[in-house]
Amino acid sequence: MKGAVFIAFNQMIEEQVGVAVWEQLLDEVNPESGGVYTSVEDFPDEELFALVGKLSEIANQPIETLVESFGFYLFDFLNQKYPIFSESESDFFSFLKSIDSVIHKEVRKLYNNANLPELDCEQKSENILIMRYQSPRKLCLLAEGLVRGAAKHYQVEYSLDHKTCLHKGDSCCTFNVQI
């Protein structure tokens, strides 16, 4: 996983619960990186999963809640660094449909070893978008948080129904997003 994701997680922890909690996480997890991340370097997925697991224990919050909340935070973090992607799309659905075809395409140009999820979107009507998410990481809740962050950015009220899920043995996660 790219260091930018770890940097965002570090920043979220420090902003929302404090530097002391971040230091406690590092002390208790003792990650191989030592908690020193650069945005372009790759770090083991397991390192982030261990940090989230330990945060779940410390904060007494379900891992699922923390992952979705991190996705919400991550949207703003990435949007501040790369506003061109949201600025080039006029609305919420257009942005969501551009993730795989535009954003992920650009990321792959920069990082040929980027391990990104597959995301396929199908607009069923003016108000309904079907998103299919597939990734060996099974971070569908992170994707839900990113969708929530995009909705906030575009100032859209929406509902998301997580129809199928990789965690339940389905071949992909299916999100029915309705505005």
Protein backbone atom coordinates (compact mmCIF):
# COMPACT_ATOMS: atom_id res chain seq x y z
CA MET A 1 0.00 0.00 0.00
CA LYS A 2 1.30 3.45 -0.87
CA GLY A 3 2.78 5.53 1.91
CA ALA A 4 0.29 8.31 1.19
CA VAL A 5 -2.42 6.13 2.74
CA PHE A 6 -0.32 5.63 5.88
CA ILE A 7 0.42 9.36 6.04
CA ALA A 8 -3.30 10.11 5.84
CA PHE A 9 -4.02 7.56 8.59
CA ASN A 10 -1.31 9.08 10.79
CA GLN A 11 -2.69 12.57 10.19
CA MET A 12 -6.25 11.47 10.97
CA ILE A 13 -5.19 9.85 14.26
CA GLU A 14 -3.18 12.89 15.34
CA GLU A 15 -6.01 15.30 14.46
CA GLN A 16 -8.89 13.30 15.88
CA VAL A 17 -7.46 11.56 18.94
CA GLY A 18 -4.01 13.05 19.43
CA VAL A 19 -0.32 12.48 18.92
CA ALA A 20 -0.14 10.42 22.12
CA VAL A 21 -2.49 7.81 20.64
CA TRP A 22 -0.43 7.67 17.43
CA GLU A 23 2.72 7.13 19.52
CA GLN A 24 0.93 4.44 21.54
CA LEU A 25 -0.11 2.68 18.33
CA LEU A 26 3.48 2.70 17.07
CA ASP A 27 4.81 1.45 20.42
CA GLU A 28 2.31 -1.40 20.65
CA VAL A 29 2.30 -2.46 16.97
CA ASN A 30 6.02 -1.81 16.46
CA PRO A 31 5.71 -1.65 12.65
CA GLU A 32 8.71 -2.57 10.53
CA SER A 33 8.72 0.96 9.08
CA GLY A 34 8.95 2.47 12.54
CA GLY A 35 6.01 4.67 11.55
CA VAL A 36 8.09 6.67 9.09
CA TYR A 37 6.23 6.89 5.78
CA THR A 38 6.94 8.53 2.44
CA SER A 39 4.08 9.01 0.02
CA VAL A 40 5.59 7.18 -2.96
CA GLU A 41 7.04 4.19 -1.14
CA ASP A 42 5.10 0.93 -0.69
CA PHE A 43 4.46 -0.52 2.76
CA PRO A 44 2.90 -3.86 3.70
CA ASP A 45 -0.90 -3.88 3.88
CA GLU A 46 -0.57 -5.86 7.10
CA GLU A 47 1.11 -2.87 8.75
CA LEU A 48 -1.95 -0.68 8.23
CA PHE A 49 -4.29 -3.51 9.23
CA ALA A 50 -2.31 -3.99 12.47
CA LEU A 51 -2.49 -0.26 13.25
CA VAL A 52 -6.26 -0.20 12.63
CA GLY A 53 -6.72 -3.34 14.75
CA LYS A 54 -4.79 -1.83 17.64
CA LEU A 55 -6.68 1.47 17.31
CA SER A 56 -9.90 -0.53 17.53
CA GLU A 57 -8.73 -1.93 20.88
CA ILE A 58 -7.52 1.42 22.22
CA ALA A 59 -10.57 3.42 21.11
CA ASN A 60 -13.04 0.61 21.80
CA GLN A 61 -14.50 1.07 18.32
CA PRO A 62 -15.34 -1.66 15.80
CA ILE A 63 -12.75 -2.06 13.04
CA GLU A 64 -15.51 -1.62 10.45
CA THR A 65 -16.44 1.79 11.85
CA LEU A 66 -12.81 2.91 11.88
CA VAL A 67 -12.18 1.76 8.29
CA GLU A 68 -15.28 3.55 6.97
CA SER A 69 -14.35 6.69 8.93
CA PHE A 70 -10.84 6.55 7.53
CA GLY A 71 -12.26 6.33 4.00
CA PHE A 72 -14.29 9.47 4.69
CA TYR A 73 -11.17 11.24 5.95
CA LEU A 74 -9.07 9.91 3.08
CA PHE A 75 -11.32 11.52 0.49
CA ASP A 76 -10.58 15.02 1.83
CA PHE A 77 -6.90 14.20 2.29
CA LEU A 78 -6.53 13.08 -1.33
CA ASN A 79 -8.80 15.82 -2.67
CA GLN A 80 -6.64 18.48 -1.03
CA LYS A 81 -3.54 17.01 -2.67
CA TYR A 82 -5.15 16.36 -6.07
CA PRO A 83 -8.15 18.69 -6.46
CA ILE A 84 -8.03 18.43 -10.25
CA PHE A 85 -9.97 15.16 -10.15
CA SER A 86 -13.01 16.56 -8.35
CA GLU A 87 -12.74 19.92 -10.13
CA SER A 88 -12.91 18.22 -13.51
CA GLU A 89 -16.19 16.44 -12.67
CA SER A 90 -19.33 18.53 -12.33
CA ASP A 91 -21.36 16.20 -10.13
CA PHE A 92 -21.25 13.33 -7.68
CA PHE A 93 -22.11 10.52 -10.11
CA SER A 94 -19.70 11.81 -12.77
CA PHE A 95 -16.94 11.82 -10.17
CA LEU A 96 -17.71 8.28 -8.99
CA LYS A 97 -17.75 7.03 -12.59
CA SER A 98 -14.35 8.69 -13.20
CA ILE A 99 -12.55 6.89 -10.38
CA ASP A 100 -11.47 3.82 -12.34
CA SER A 101 -11.27 5.34 -15.82
CA VAL A 102 -9.51 8.58 -14.89
CA ILE A 103 -8.09 8.63 -11.36
CA HIS A 104 -6.85 5.04 -11.21
CA LYS A 105 -5.51 5.37 -14.75
CA GLU A 106 -3.43 8.39 -13.71
CA VAL A 107 -2.21 6.65 -10.57
CA ARG A 108 -1.06 3.68 -12.66
CA LYS A 109 0.91 6.07 -14.91
CA LEU A 110 2.76 7.41 -11.88
CA TYR A 111 3.18 4.10 -10.07
CA ASN A 112 3.38 1.09 -12.36
CA ASN A 113 3.17 -1.21 -9.33
CA ALA A 114 0.04 0.43 -7.86
CA ASN A 115 -2.29 -2.20 -6.43
CA LEU A 116 -5.67 -0.52 -6.93
CA PRO A 117 -9.14 -1.99 -6.60
CA GLU A 118 -11.28 -2.57 -9.67
CA LEU A 119 -14.32 -0.33 -9.75
CA ASP A 120 -17.03 -0.61 -12.37
CA CYS A 121 -19.94 1.82 -12.46
CA GLU A 122 -23.25 1.52 -14.26
CA GLN A 123 -25.76 4.35 -14.18
CA LYS A 124 -29.21 2.76 -14.04
CA SER A 125 -31.14 6.04 -14.01
CA GLU A 126 -30.67 9.71 -13.26
CA ASN A 127 -30.79 8.88 -9.54
CA ILE A 128 -29.24 5.40 -9.30
CA LEU A 129 -25.64 4.32 -9.81
CA ILE A 130 -24.49 0.72 -9.36
CA MET A 131 -20.85 0.40 -8.29
CA ARG A 132 -19.03 -2.92 -8.36
CA TYR A 133 -15.91 -3.07 -6.20
CA GLN A 134 -13.35 -5.85 -6.31
CA SER A 135 -10.04 -6.10 -4.49
CA PRO A 136 -8.08 -8.83 -2.71
CA ARG A 137 -7.75 -6.36 0.19
CA LYS A 138 -11.54 -6.40 0.68
CA LEU A 139 -11.60 -2.75 1.79
CA CYS A 140 -15.18 -2.16 0.71
CA LEU A 141 -15.88 -0.19 3.88
CA LEU A 142 -13.01 2.14 3.00
CA ALA A 143 -14.68 2.58 -0.40
CA GLU A 144 -17.98 3.37 1.35
CA GLY A 145 -16.20 6.07 3.36
CA LEU A 146 -14.66 7.51 0.21
CA VAL A 147 -18.13 7.64 -1.38
CA ARG A 148 -19.44 9.44 1.72
CA GLY A 149 -16.56 11.92 1.44
CA ALA A 150 -17.36 12.54 -2.23
CA ALA A 151 -21.04 13.08 -1.39
CA LYS A 152 -20.07 15.66 1.23
CA HIS A 153 -17.76 17.39 -1.27
CA TYR A 154 -20.51 17.57 -3.90
CA GLN A 155 -23.10 18.46 -1.24
CA VAL A 156 -25.35 15.54 -2.17
CA GLU A 157 -27.78 13.60 0.00
CA TYR A 158 -27.48 9.93 -0.92
CA SER A 159 -28.15 6.41 0.26
CA LEU A 160 -25.88 3.43 -0.25
CA ASP A 161 -27.10 -0.15 -0.16
CA HIS A 162 -24.25 -2.69 0.03
CA LYS A 163 -26.02 -5.49 -1.89
CA THR A 164 -23.24 -8.10 -2.27
CA CYS A 165 -19.96 -8.32 -0.38
CA LEU A 166 -16.58 -9.97 -0.73
CA HIS A 167 -16.66 -10.65 3.02
CA LYS A 168 -19.74 -12.84 2.48
CA GLY A 169 -18.10 -14.86 -0.30
CA ASP A 170 -19.54 -12.89 -3.21
CA SER A 171 -17.32 -12.27 -6.25
CA CYS A 172 -17.51 -8.49 -5.73
CA CYS A 173 -19.12 -5.86 -3.56
CA THR A 174 -22.10 -4.14 -5.15
CA PHE A 175 -23.14 -0.70 -3.96
CA ASN A 176 -26.47 0.74 -5.07
CA VAL A 177 -26.01 4.48 -4.69
CA GLN A 178 -29.13 6.58 -4.90
CA ILE A 179 -29.49 10.37 -4.86
